[in-house]
C-alpha atoms as a PDB file:
ATOM      1  CA  MET A   1      -9.274  11.402  16.989  1.00  0.00           C
ATOM      2  CA  ALA A   2     -11.739  12.798  14.461  1.00  0.00           C
ATOM      3  CA  ARG A   3      -9.033  13.310  11.848  1.00  0.00           C
ATOM      4  CA  ALA A   4      -7.535   9.855  12.459  1.00  0.00           C
ATOM      5  CA  LEU A   5     -10.985   8.286  12.178  1.00  0.00           C
ATOM      6  CA  LEU A   6     -11.781  10.109   8.940  1.00  0.00           C
ATOM      7  CA  CYS A   7      -8.448   9.089   7.401  1.00  0.00           C
ATOM      8  CA  ALA A   8      -8.971   5.478   8.484  1.00  0.00           C
ATOM      9  CA  LEU A   9     -12.497   5.394   7.062  1.00  0.00           C
ATOM     10  CA  ALA A  10     -11.255   6.912   3.820  1.00  0.00           C
ATOM     11  CA  GLY A  11      -8.408   4.394   3.565  1.00  0.00           C
ATOM     12  CA  ALA A  12     -10.688   1.423   4.228  1.00  0.00           C
ATOM     13  CA  ALA A  13     -13.357   2.669   1.804  1.00  0.00           C
ATOM     14  CA  ILE A  14     -10.927   3.458  -1.006  1.00  0.00           C
ATOM     15  CA  GLY A  15      -9.117   0.157  -0.500  1.00  0.00           C
ATOM     16  CA  ALA A  16     -12.380  -1.797  -0.555  1.00  0.00           C
ATOM     17  CA  ALA A  17     -13.768   0.005  -3.592  1.00  0.00           C
ATOM     18  CA  ALA A  18     -10.530  -0.241  -5.562  1.00  0.00           C
ATOM     19  CA  ALA A  19     -10.038  -3.940  -4.775  1.00  0.00           C
ATOM     20  CA  ARG A  20     -13.628  -4.831  -5.727  1.00  0.00           C
ATOM     21  CA  ALA A  21     -13.408  -2.777  -8.919  1.00  0.00           C
ATOM     22  CA  ALA A  22     -10.112  -4.408  -9.908  1.00  0.00           C
ATOM     23  CA  TYR A  23     -11.475  -7.889  -9.221  1.00  0.00           C
ATOM     24  CA  THR A  24     -14.606  -7.206 -11.281  1.00  0.00           C
ATOM     25  CA  VAL A  25     -12.598  -5.889 -14.218  1.00  0.00           C
ATOM     26  CA  PHE A  26     -10.085  -8.762 -14.124  1.00  0.00           C
ATOM     27  CA  THR A  27     -12.680 -11.526 -13.903  1.00  0.00           C
ATOM     28  CA  ARG A  28     -15.022 -10.064 -16.513  1.00  0.00           C
ATOM     29  CA  ARG A  29     -12.242  -9.428 -18.966  1.00  0.00           C
ATOM     30  CA  LEU A  30     -10.885 -12.942 -18.694  1.00  0.00           C
ATOM     31  CA  THR A  31     -14.034 -14.992 -18.211  1.00  0.00           C
ATOM     32  CA  HIS A  32     -17.029 -13.189 -19.737  1.00  0.00           C
ATOM     33  CA  THR A  33     -18.214 -15.011 -22.826  1.00  0.00           C
ATOM     34  CA  ASP A  34     -21.250 -15.702 -24.970  1.00  0.00           C
ATOM     35  CA  GLU A  35     -19.657 -18.586 -26.799  1.00  0.00           C
ATOM     36  CA  LYS A  36     -16.671 -20.735 -25.932  1.00  0.00           C
ATOM     37  CA  ILE A  37     -14.002 -20.921 -28.633  1.00  0.00           C
ATOM     38  CA  VAL A  38     -11.346 -23.635 -28.579  1.00  0.00           C
ATOM     39  CA  ASP A  39      -8.529 -24.660 -30.866  1.00  0.00           C
ATOM     40  CA  ALA A  40      -8.008 -28.091 -32.442  1.00  0.00           C
ATOM     41  CA  SER A  41      -6.528 -29.507 -29.234  1.00  0.00           C
ATOM     42  CA  GLY A  42      -9.480 -28.346 -27.173  1.00  0.00           C
ATOM     43  CA  GLU A  43      -7.598 -25.498 -25.496  1.00  0.00           C
ATOM     44  CA  LEU A  44      -9.633 -22.394 -24.729  1.00  0.00           C
ATOM     45  CA  VAL A  45      -8.553 -19.591 -27.028  1.00  0.00           C
ATOM     46  CA  ALA A  46     -10.964 -16.664 -26.987  1.00  0.00           C
ATOM     47  CA  ALA A  47     -14.546 -15.551 -26.597  1.00  0.00           C
ATOM     48  CA  PRO A  48     -16.627 -12.753 -28.127  1.00  0.00           C
ATOM     49  CA  GLY A  49     -17.402 -11.330 -24.687  1.00  0.00           C
ATOM     50  CA  GLY A  50     -13.843 -10.828 -23.556  1.00  0.00           C
ATOM     51  CA  GLY A  51     -10.795 -12.892 -24.395  1.00  0.00           C
ATOM     52  CA  LEU A  52     -10.548 -16.114 -22.432  1.00  0.00           C
ATOM     53  CA  ARG A  53      -7.059 -17.003 -23.553  1.00  0.00           C
ATOM     54  CA  ASP A  54      -5.563 -16.003 -20.221  1.00  0.00           C
ATOM     55  CA  ALA A  55      -8.298 -17.349 -17.946  1.00  0.00           C
ATOM     56  CA  ALA A  56      -6.643 -20.751 -17.525  1.00  0.00           C
ATOM     57  CA  THR A  57      -3.350 -19.038 -16.688  1.00  0.00           C
ATOM     58  CA  TRP A  58      -4.872 -17.717 -13.468  1.00  0.00           C
ATOM     59  CA  THR A  59      -6.783 -20.890 -12.580  1.00  0.00           C
ATOM     60  CA  ARG A  60      -5.525 -23.365  -9.991  1.00  0.00           C
ATOM     61  CA  THR A  61      -6.957 -26.327  -8.087  1.00  0.00           C
ATOM     62  CA  ASN A  62      -7.884 -25.738  -4.452  1.00  0.00           C
ATOM     63  CA  HIS A  63      -7.787 -28.141  -1.484  1.00  0.00           C
ATOM     64  CA  ARG A  64     -11.048 -29.754  -2.650  1.00  0.00           C
ATOM     65  CA  GLY A  65      -9.704 -30.394  -6.132  1.00  0.00           C
ATOM     66  CA  GLU A  66     -11.960 -27.687  -7.578  1.00  0.00           C
ATOM     67  CA  PRO A  67     -10.855 -24.929  -9.987  1.00  0.00           C
ATOM     68  CA  ILE A  68     -10.342 -21.510  -8.425  1.00  0.00           C
ATOM     69  CA  THR A  69      -8.989 -18.221  -9.757  1.00  0.00           C
ATOM     70  CA  LEU A  70      -5.915 -16.413  -8.488  1.00  0.00           C
ATOM     71  CA  LEU A  71      -7.189 -13.047  -9.736  1.00  0.00           C
ATOM     72  CA  GLU A  72      -8.133 -12.053  -6.195  1.00  0.00           C
ATOM     73  CA  GLY A  73      -4.419 -11.550  -5.521  1.00  0.00           C
ATOM     74  CA  PRO A  74      -3.688  -8.967  -8.245  1.00  0.00           C
ATOM     75  CA  ALA A  75      -6.993  -7.269  -7.384  1.00  0.00           C
ATOM     76  CA  PHE A  76      -5.937  -6.911  -3.751  1.00  0.00           C
ATOM     77  CA  ALA A  77      -2.427  -5.687  -4.581  1.00  0.00           C
ATOM     78  CA  LEU A  78      -3.720  -3.154  -7.111  1.00  0.00           C
ATOM     79  CA  GLY A  79      -6.589  -1.991  -4.909  1.00  0.00           C
ATOM     80  CA  ALA A  80      -4.452  -1.575  -1.806  1.00  0.00           C
ATOM     81  CA  SER A  81      -1.720   0.201  -3.770  1.00  0.00           C
ATOM     82  CA  ALA A  82      -4.259   2.596  -5.317  1.00  0.00           C
ATOM     83  CA  ALA A  83      -5.679   3.300  -1.870  1.00  0.00           C
ATOM     84  CA  ALA A  84      -2.210   4.005  -0.500  1.00  0.00           C
ATOM     85  CA  ALA A  85      -1.726   6.549  -3.267  1.00  0.00           C
ATOM     86  CA  LEU A  86      -5.092   8.252  -2.694  1.00  0.00           C
ATOM     87  CA  THR A  87      -5.839   8.002   1.040  1.00  0.00           C
ATOM     88  CA  PRO A  88      -5.520  11.289   2.954  1.00  0.00           C
ATOM     89  CA  GLY A  89      -3.357  11.529   6.052  1.00  0.00           C
ATOM     90  CA  LEU A  90      -0.282   9.769   4.673  1.00  0.00           C
ATOM     91  CA  PRO A  91       2.955  11.776   4.315  1.00  0.00           C
ATOM     92  CA  PRO A  92       4.690  11.447   0.917  1.00  0.00           C
ATOM     93  CA  ARG A  93       7.460   9.158   2.204  1.00  0.00           C
ATOM     94  CA  VAL A  94       4.967   6.839   3.927  1.00  0.00           C
ATOM     95  CA  ARG A  95       2.783   6.829   0.815  1.00  0.00           C
ATOM     96  CA  LEU A  96       5.771   5.849  -1.340  1.00  0.00           C
ATOM     97  CA  ALA A  97       6.791   3.188   1.188  1.00  0.00           C
ATOM     98  CA  ALA A  98       3.301   1.654   1.041  1.00  0.00           C
ATOM     99  CA  LEU A  99       3.399   1.612  -2.754  1.00  0.00           C
ATOM    100  CA  LEU A 100       6.794  -0.097  -2.715  1.00  0.00           C
ATOM    101  CA  ALA A 101       5.733  -2.675  -0.137  1.00  0.00           C
ATOM    102  CA  GLY A 102       2.303  -3.450  -1.606  1.00  0.00           C
ATOM    103  CA  ALA A 103       2.924  -3.244  -5.333  1.00  0.00           C
ATOM    104  CA  GLY A 104       6.449  -4.661  -5.134  1.00  0.00           C
ATOM    105  CA  SER A 105       5.572  -7.723  -3.075  1.00  0.00           C
ATOM    106  CA  GLY A 106       2.376  -8.200  -5.085  1.00  0.00           C
ATOM    107  CA  ALA A 107       4.223  -8.176  -8.388  1.00  0.00           C
ATOM    108  CA  LEU A 108       6.861 -10.610  -7.139  1.00  0.00           C
ATOM    109  CA  GLY A 109       4.182 -12.860  -5.689  1.00  0.00           C
ATOM    110  CA  GLY A 110       2.345 -12.758  -9.010  1.00  0.00           C
ATOM    111  CA  TYR A 111       5.530 -13.809 -10.769  1.00  0.00           C
ATOM    112  CA  ASP A 112       5.758 -16.856  -8.501  1.00  0.00           C
ATOM    113  CA  ASP A 113       2.032 -17.586  -8.990  1.00  0.00           C
ATOM    114  CA  LEU A 114       2.393 -17.716 -12.762  1.00  0.00           C
ATOM    115  CA  TRP A 115       5.877 -19.067 -13.303  1.00  0.00           C
ATOM    116  CA  GLY A 116       6.709 -20.745 -10.003  1.00  0.00           C
ATOM    117  CA  THR A 117       8.052 -24.292  -9.925  1.00  0.00           C
ATOM    118  CA  THR A 118       7.743 -27.014  -7.296  1.00  0.00           C
ATOM    119  CA  SER A 119      11.359 -28.142  -7.484  1.00  0.00           C
ATOM    120  CA  ALA A 120      11.915 -26.538  -4.066  1.00  0.00           C
ATOM    121  CA  LYS A 121       9.454 -25.696  -1.315  1.00  0.00           C
ATOM    122  CA  GLY A 122       9.538 -23.459   1.712  1.00  0.00           C
ATOM    123  CA  PHE A 123      11.930 -20.709   2.710  1.00  0.00           C
ATOM    124  CA  LYS A 124      14.653 -23.218   3.536  1.00  0.00           C
ATOM    125  CA  GLY A 125      14.165 -25.185   0.326  1.00  0.00           C
ATOM    126  CA  HIS A 126      14.521 -22.173  -1.954  1.00  0.00           C
ATOM    127  CA  LEU A 127      17.582 -20.841  -0.149  1.00  0.00           C
ATOM    128  CA  SER A 128      19.179 -24.311  -0.142  1.00  0.00           C
ATOM    129  CA  ALA A 129      18.639 -24.558  -3.887  1.00  0.00           C
ATOM    130  CA  LEU A 130      20.141 -21.082  -4.326  1.00  0.00           C
ATOM    131  CA  ALA A 131      23.218 -22.137  -2.340  1.00  0.00           C
ATOM    132  CA  LYS A 132      23.671 -24.972  -4.857  1.00  0.00           C
ATOM    133  CA  GLY A 133      23.482 -22.564  -7.776  1.00  0.00           C
ATOM    134  CA  GLU A 134      19.836 -23.203  -8.690  1.00  0.00           C
ATOM    135  CA  VAL A 135      17.824 -19.985  -8.933  1.00  0.00           C
ATOM    136  CA  THR A 136      14.208 -20.941  -8.281  1.00  0.00           C
ATOM    137  CA  SER A 137      11.224 -18.639  -8.739  1.00  0.00           C
ATOM    138  CA  GLY A 138      10.769 -18.769  -4.976  1.00  0.00           C
ATOM    139  CA  ALA A 139      14.326 -17.546  -4.437  1.00  0.00           C
ATOM    140  CA  VAL A 140      13.732 -14.673  -6.842  1.00  0.00           C
ATOM    141  CA  LYS A 141      10.614 -13.766  -4.883  1.00  0.00           C
ATOM    142  CA  ILE A 142      12.341 -14.038  -1.487  1.00  0.00           C
ATOM    143  CA  LEU A 143      15.259 -11.848  -2.551  1.00  0.00           C
ATOM    144  CA  GLY A 144      13.004  -9.407  -4.393  1.00  0.00           C
ATOM    145  CA  ILE A 145      10.598  -8.993  -1.488  1.00  0.00           C
ATOM    146  CA  GLY A 146      13.574  -8.585   0.828  1.00  0.00           C
ATOM    147  CA  ALA A 147      14.839  -5.747  -1.391  1.00  0.00           C
ATOM    148  CA  THR A 148      11.472  -4.000  -1.738  1.00  0.00           C
ATOM    149  CA  GLY A 149      10.809  -4.447   1.979  1.00  0.00           C
ATOM    150  CA  LEU A 150      14.144  -2.863   2.845  1.00  0.00           C
ATOM    151  CA  ALA A 151      13.550  -0.003   0.402  1.00  0.00           C
ATOM    152  CA  ALA A 152      10.102   0.646   1.859  1.00  0.00           C
ATOM    153  CA  ALA A 153      11.434   0.468   5.420  1.00  0.00           C
ATOM    154  CA  ALA A 154      14.257   2.890   4.640  1.00  0.00           C
ATOM    155  CA  LEU A 155      11.659   5.562   3.863  1.00  0.00           C
ATOM    156  CA  VAL A 156      10.101   5.360   7.335  1.00  0.00           C
ATOM    157  CA  SER A 157      13.137   4.465   9.483  1.00  0.00           C
ATOM    158  CA  ARG A 158      15.675   6.387  11.536  1.00  0.00           C
ATOM    159  CA  GLY A 159      19.053   5.122  10.446  1.00  0.00           C
ATOM    160  CA  PRO A 160      20.449   1.946   8.833  1.00  0.00           C
ATOM    161  CA  ALA A 161      20.003  -0.327  11.863  1.00  0.00           C
ATOM    162  CA  ASP A 162      16.365   0.682  12.189  1.00  0.00           C
ATOM    163  CA  ALA A 163      15.842   0.138   8.468  1.00  0.00           C
ATOM    164  CA  LEU A 164      17.257  -3.400   8.653  1.00  0.00           C
ATOM    165  CA  VAL A 165      14.889  -4.394  11.467  1.00  0.00           C
ATOM    166  CA  ASN A 166      11.902  -2.746   9.812  1.00  0.00           C
ATOM    167  CA  GLY A 167      12.758  -4.199   6.408  1.00  0.00           C
ATOM    168  CA  ALA A 168      12.958  -7.684   7.911  1.00  0.00           C
ATOM    169  CA  ILE A 169       9.509  -7.201   9.443  1.00  0.00           C
ATOM    170  CA  VAL A 170       7.968  -6.028   6.162  1.00  0.00           C
ATOM    171  CA  ALA A 171       9.537  -8.874   4.160  1.00  0.00           C
ATOM    172  CA  GLY A 172       8.905 -11.421   6.898  1.00  0.00           C
ATOM    173  CA  GLY A 173       5.283 -10.340   7.161  1.00  0.00           C
ATOM    174  CA  ALA A 174       4.857 -10.822   3.404  1.00  0.00           C
ATOM    175  CA  ASN A 175       6.223 -14.358   3.597  1.00  0.00           C
ATOM    176  CA  LEU A 176       4.312 -15.283   6.760  1.00  0.00           C
ATOM    177  CA  ALA A 177       0.934 -14.186   5.380  1.00  0.00           C
ATOM    178  CA  ASN A 178       1.491 -16.437   2.389  1.00  0.00           C
ATOM    179  CA  LEU A 179       2.002 -19.437   4.695  1.00  0.00           C
ATOM    180  CA  PHE A 180      -1.590 -19.067   5.915  1.00  0.00           C
ATOM    181  CA  ASP A 181      -3.131 -18.926   2.437  1.00  0.00           C
ATOM    182  CA  LEU A 182      -3.907 -22.648   2.384  1.00  0.00           C
ATOM    183  CA  ARG A 183      -7.619 -22.619   3.190  1.00  0.00           C
ATOM    184  CA  PRO A 184     -10.482 -20.294   2.209  1.00  0.00           C
ATOM    185  CA  GLY A 185     -10.372 -16.982   4.036  1.00  0.00           C
ATOM    186  CA  ARG A 186      -7.567 -17.982   6.394  1.00  0.00           C
ATOM    187  CA  ALA A 187      -4.923 -15.492   5.294  1.00  0.00           C
ATOM    188  CA  ILE A 188      -7.427 -12.633   5.295  1.00  0.00           C
ATOM    189  CA  LYS A 189      -8.731 -13.581   8.746  1.00  0.00           C
ATOM    190  CA  VAL A 190      -5.168 -13.663  10.091  1.00  0.00           C
ATOM    191  CA  GLY A 191      -4.558 -10.290   8.444  1.00  0.00           C
ATOM    192  CA  LEU A 192      -7.686  -8.797  10.007  1.00  0.00           C
ATOM    193  CA  LEU A 193      -6.798 -10.138  13.457  1.00  0.00           C
ATOM    194  CA  ALA A 194      -3.284  -8.709  13.145  1.00  0.00           C
ATOM    195  CA  GLY A 195      -4.300  -5.401  11.595  1.00  0.00           C
ATOM    196  CA  LEU A 196      -7.271  -4.377  13.730  1.00  0.00           C
ATOM    197  CA  PRO A 197      -5.146  -3.775  16.875  1.00  0.00           C
ATOM    198  CA  LEU A 198      -2.837  -1.555  14.793  1.00  0.00           C
ATOM    199  CA  LEU A 199      -5.843   0.380  13.523  1.00  0.00           C
ATOM    200  CA  ALA A 200      -7.245   0.720  17.043  1.00  0.00           C
ATOM    201  CA  ALA A 201      -3.871   1.913  18.363  1.00  0.00           C
ATOM    202  CA  GLY A 202      -3.655   4.557  15.656  1.00  0.00           C
ATOM    203  CA  LEU A 203      -7.133   5.814  16.476  1.00  0.00           C
ATOM    204  CA  PHE A 204      -6.522   5.774  20.237  1.00  0.00           C
ATOM    205  CA  GLU A 205      -3.265   7.714  19.846  1.00  0.00           C
ATOM    206  CA  HIS A 206      -4.895  10.172  17.394  1.00  0.00           C
ATOM    207  CA  ASP A 207      -2.299   9.113  14.801  1.00  0.00           C
ATOM    208  CA  ALA A 208      -3.908   9.659  11.390  1.00  0.00           C
ATOM    209  CA  ARG A 209      -0.892   8.243   9.572  1.00  0.00           C
ATOM    210  CA  ALA A 210      -0.889   4.937  11.455  1.00  0.00           C
ATOM    211  CA  ALA A 211      -4.676   4.593  11.325  1.00  0.00           C
ATOM    212  CA  ALA A 212      -4.839   5.201   7.577  1.00  0.00           C
ATOM    213  CA  LEU A 213      -1.904   2.908   6.843  1.00  0.00           C
ATOM    214  CA  ALA A 214      -3.529   0.035   8.737  1.00  0.00           C
ATOM    215  CA  ALA A 215      -6.992   0.693   7.285  1.00  0.00           C
ATOM    216  CA  VAL A 216      -5.921   0.469   3.641  1.00  0.00           C
ATOM    217  CA  PRO A 217      -5.068  -3.273   3.508  1.00  0.00           C
ATOM    218  CA  LEU A 218      -7.869  -4.117   5.949  1.00  0.00           C
ATOM    219  CA  GLY A 219     -10.481  -2.497   3.722  1.00  0.00           C
ATOM    220  CA  ALA A 220      -9.177  -4.151   0.568  1.00  0.00           C
ATOM    221  CA  ALA A 221      -8.966  -7.553   2.253  1.00  0.00           C
ATOM    222  CA  ALA A 222     -12.452  -7.339   3.795  1.00  0.00           C
ATOM    223  CA  ALA A 223     -13.953  -6.459   0.420  1.00  0.00           C
ATOM    224  CA  LEU A 224     -12.530  -9.633  -1.143  1.00  0.00           C
ATOM    225  CA  LEU A 225     -13.242 -11.934   1.805  1.00  0.00           C
ATOM    226  CA  PRO A 226     -16.615 -13.176   0.407  1.00  0.00           C
ATOM    227  CA  GLU A 227     -14.911 -14.393  -2.780  1.00  0.00           C
ATOM    228  CA  ASP A 228     -12.265 -16.153  -0.707  1.00  0.00           C
ATOM    229  CA  LEU A 229     -14.708 -17.787   1.723  1.00  0.00           C
ATOM    230  CA  GLY A 230     -16.978 -18.777  -1.152  1.00  0.00           C
ATOM    231  CA  GLU A 231     -14.041 -20.639  -2.737  1.00  0.00           C
ATOM    232  CA  ARG A 232     -14.422 -18.704  -5.963  1.00  0.00           C
ATOM    233  CA  ALA A 233     -11.009 -17.071  -5.655  1.00  0.00           C
ATOM    234  CA  MET A 234      -7.881 -17.015  -3.513  1.00  0.00           C
ATOM    235  CA  LEU A 235      -5.178 -14.486  -2.711  1.00  0.00           C
ATOM    236  CA  GLY A 236      -2.302 -16.604  -3.977  1.00  0.00           C
ATOM    237  CA  ASP A 237       1.232 -15.319  -3.527  1.00  0.00           C
ATOM    238  CA  ALA A 238       0.405 -11.953  -5.127  1.00  0.00           C
ATOM    239  CA  GLY A 239      -2.327 -11.066  -2.655  1.00  0.00           C
ATOM    240  CA  ALA A 240      -0.964 -12.734   0.469  1.00  0.00           C
ATOM    241  CA  ASN A 241       2.510 -11.244   0.038  1.00  0.00           C
ATOM    242  CA  ALA A 242       1.060  -7.762  -0.499  1.00  0.00           C
ATOM    243  CA  LEU A 243      -1.254  -8.126   2.528  1.00  0.00           C
ATOM    244  CA  GLY A 244       1.569  -9.220   4.820  1.00  0.00           C
ATOM    245  CA  ALA A 245       3.966  -6.552   3.580  1.00  0.00           C
ATOM    246  CA  LEU A 246       1.465  -3.720   4.066  1.00  0.00           C
ATOM    247  CA  LEU A 247       0.548  -4.890   7.558  1.00  0.00           C
ATOM    248  CA  GLY A 248       4.247  -5.204   8.368  1.00  0.00           C
ATOM    249  CA  LEU A 249       4.779  -1.620   7.218  1.00  0.00           C
ATOM    250  CA  ALA A 250       1.830  -0.453   9.317  1.00  0.00           C
ATOM    251  CA  ALA A 251       3.350  -2.234  12.320  1.00  0.00           C
ATOM    252  CA  VAL A 252       6.814  -0.679  12.019  1.00  0.00           C
ATOM    253  CA  THR A 253       5.347   2.816  11.771  1.00  0.00           C
ATOM    254  CA  ARG A 254       3.190   2.265  14.882  1.00  0.00           C
ATOM    255  CA  LEU A 255       5.334   0.165  17.248  1.00  0.00           C
ATOM    256  CA  GLY A 256       8.268   1.298  19.329  1.00  0.00           C
ATOM    257  CA  ARG A 257      11.623  -0.464  19.282  1.00  0.00           C
ATOM    258  CA  PRO A 258      10.776  -3.173  21.877  1.00  0.00           C
ATOM    259  CA  GLY A 259       7.517  -3.926  20.078  1.00  0.00           C
ATOM    260  CA  ARG A 260       9.247  -4.214  16.723  1.00  0.00           C
ATOM    261  CA  TYR A 261      11.895  -6.567  18.114  1.00  0.00           C
ATOM    262  CA  ALA A 262       9.176  -8.722  19.656  1.00  0.00           C
ATOM    263  CA  LEU A 263       7.254  -8.753  16.379  1.00  0.00           C
ATOM    264  CA  LEU A 264      10.347  -9.681  14.374  1.00  0.00           C
ATOM    265  CA  GLY A 265      11.056 -12.537  16.777  1.00  0.00           C
ATOM    266  CA  THR A 266       7.481 -13.787  16.475  1.00  0.00           C
ATOM    267  CA  VAL A 267       7.600 -13.689  12.681  1.00  0.00           C
ATOM    268  CA  ALA A 268      10.944 -15.523  12.681  1.00  0.00           C
ATOM    269  CA  VAL A 269       9.693 -18.229  15.062  1.00  0.00           C
ATOM    270  CA  LEU A 270       6.493 -18.840  13.105  1.00  0.00           C
ATOM    271  CA  THR A 271       8.381 -18.938   9.801  1.00  0.00           C
ATOM    272  CA  ALA A 272      10.875 -21.442  11.195  1.00  0.00           C
ATOM    273  CA  ALA A 273       8.064 -23.519  12.706  1.00  0.00           C
ATOM    274  CA  SER A 274       6.306 -23.711   9.333  1.00  0.00           C
ATOM    275  CA  GLU A 275       9.223 -25.749   7.997  1.00  0.00           C
ATOM    276  CA  LYS A 276       8.481 -28.503  10.529  1.00  0.00           C
ATOM    277  CA  VAL A 277       4.838 -28.065  11.556  1.00  0.00           C
ATOM    278  CA  SER A 278       1.642 -27.928   9.515  1.00  0.00           C
ATOM    279  CA  PHE A 279      -0.331 -24.810  10.429  1.00  0.00           C
ATOM    280  CA  THR A 280      -3.444 -26.514   9.038  1.00  0.00           C
ATOM    281  CA  LYS A 281      -3.073 -29.455  11.460  1.00  0.00           C
ATOM    282  CA  VAL A 282      -2.395 -27.158  14.404  1.00  0.00           C
ATOM    283  CA  ILE A 283      -5.473 -25.048  13.623  1.00  0.00           C
ATOM    284  CA  ALA A 284      -7.674 -28.108  13.065  1.00  0.00           C
ATOM    285  CA  GLY A 285      -6.555 -29.553  16.407  1.00  0.00           C
ATOM    286  CA  ASN A 286      -7.454 -26.453  18.417  1.00  0.00           C
ATOM    287  CA  PRO A 287     -11.220 -25.939  18.960  1.00  0.00           C
ATOM    288  CA  VAL A 288     -11.031 -22.143  19.162  1.00  0.00           C
ATOM    289  CA  LEU A 289      -8.714 -21.696  16.183  1.00  0.00           C
ATOM    290  CA  ASN A 290     -10.677 -24.229  14.164  1.00  0.00           C
ATOM    291  CA  ARG A 291     -13.965 -22.433  14.839  1.00  0.00           C
ATOM    292  CA  ILE A 292     -12.479 -19.133  13.682  1.00  0.00           C
ATOM    293  CA  ASP A 293     -10.938 -20.844  10.663  1.00  0.00           C
ATOM    294  CA  MET A 294     -14.261 -22.437   9.649  1.00  0.00           C
ATOM    295  CA  LEU A 295     -16.338 -19.288  10.179  1.00  0.00           C
ATOM    296  CA  GLY A 296     -18.096 -18.473   6.920  1.00  0.00           C
ATOM    297  CA  ARG A 297     -16.631 -21.447   5.068  1.00  0.00           C
ATOM    298  CA  ARG A 298     -18.254 -24.433   3.411  1.00  0.00           C
ATOM    299  CA  PRO A 299     -18.202 -27.523   5.654  1.00  0.00           C
ATOM    300  CA  VAL A 300     -15.193 -29.778   5.322  1.00  0.00           C
ATOM    301  CA  ALA A 301     -15.978 -32.815   3.177  1.00  0.00           C
END
């Protein structure tokens, strides 16, 4: 257990440090300024302290109608990917799988964050548009994350059938995590609640690989949770997709076949339910879930 614990602590610490460092660099580079400079139309162009031209690109409006940055997402994806590359206890194939799952889903999520359209919504909406010949940014992301999830799963699976199930879990986890990123801290809290049992199982079974793989995204997510709860930043597609994919990968390397089938069924049911049911309304209507959801957040207006 000592080795598993040390690897888990290293993974969590490296993930946290890398995610915080990336977030600090991204936000300072895009927003630090001594004097605001605008063009003739009033659009922000640059600043002596660090180039603000791209700051608005990463700014969105949250559920309160307030501006919020999406830079938390790239910071998480980069930090977790760096931790996967550096954390001890991970075999080369598992390390490469984590890089594919985290960086791949993060990059595709970032693409949808920046260039996504609202012409179609939801898993069903994007696939329906694709069936009609319309290639939406969401469809590109769905297909891309499916491909990177399958590639990552193939590195840790025993045979094609196993890889298909594991790839569906990794890709499905990436999509499901994104469905919870609608309120401050929610996606990270869901990720922590899902990932901590995997971490505990790895430690209990003296499995350094499983413990480290679960600890990496948990450390990176926990380090960025204050920014998320404070409504200064949000994961967006880039961060939520990377978080879900990495936790999905941790799950398929830890669970046996029955557990993986049960997990895949759960992910499929929740994804299908999201097309008809509002997770926000369900959470708000349940006292226990609502209390967890509101923990650390500003009061609802």
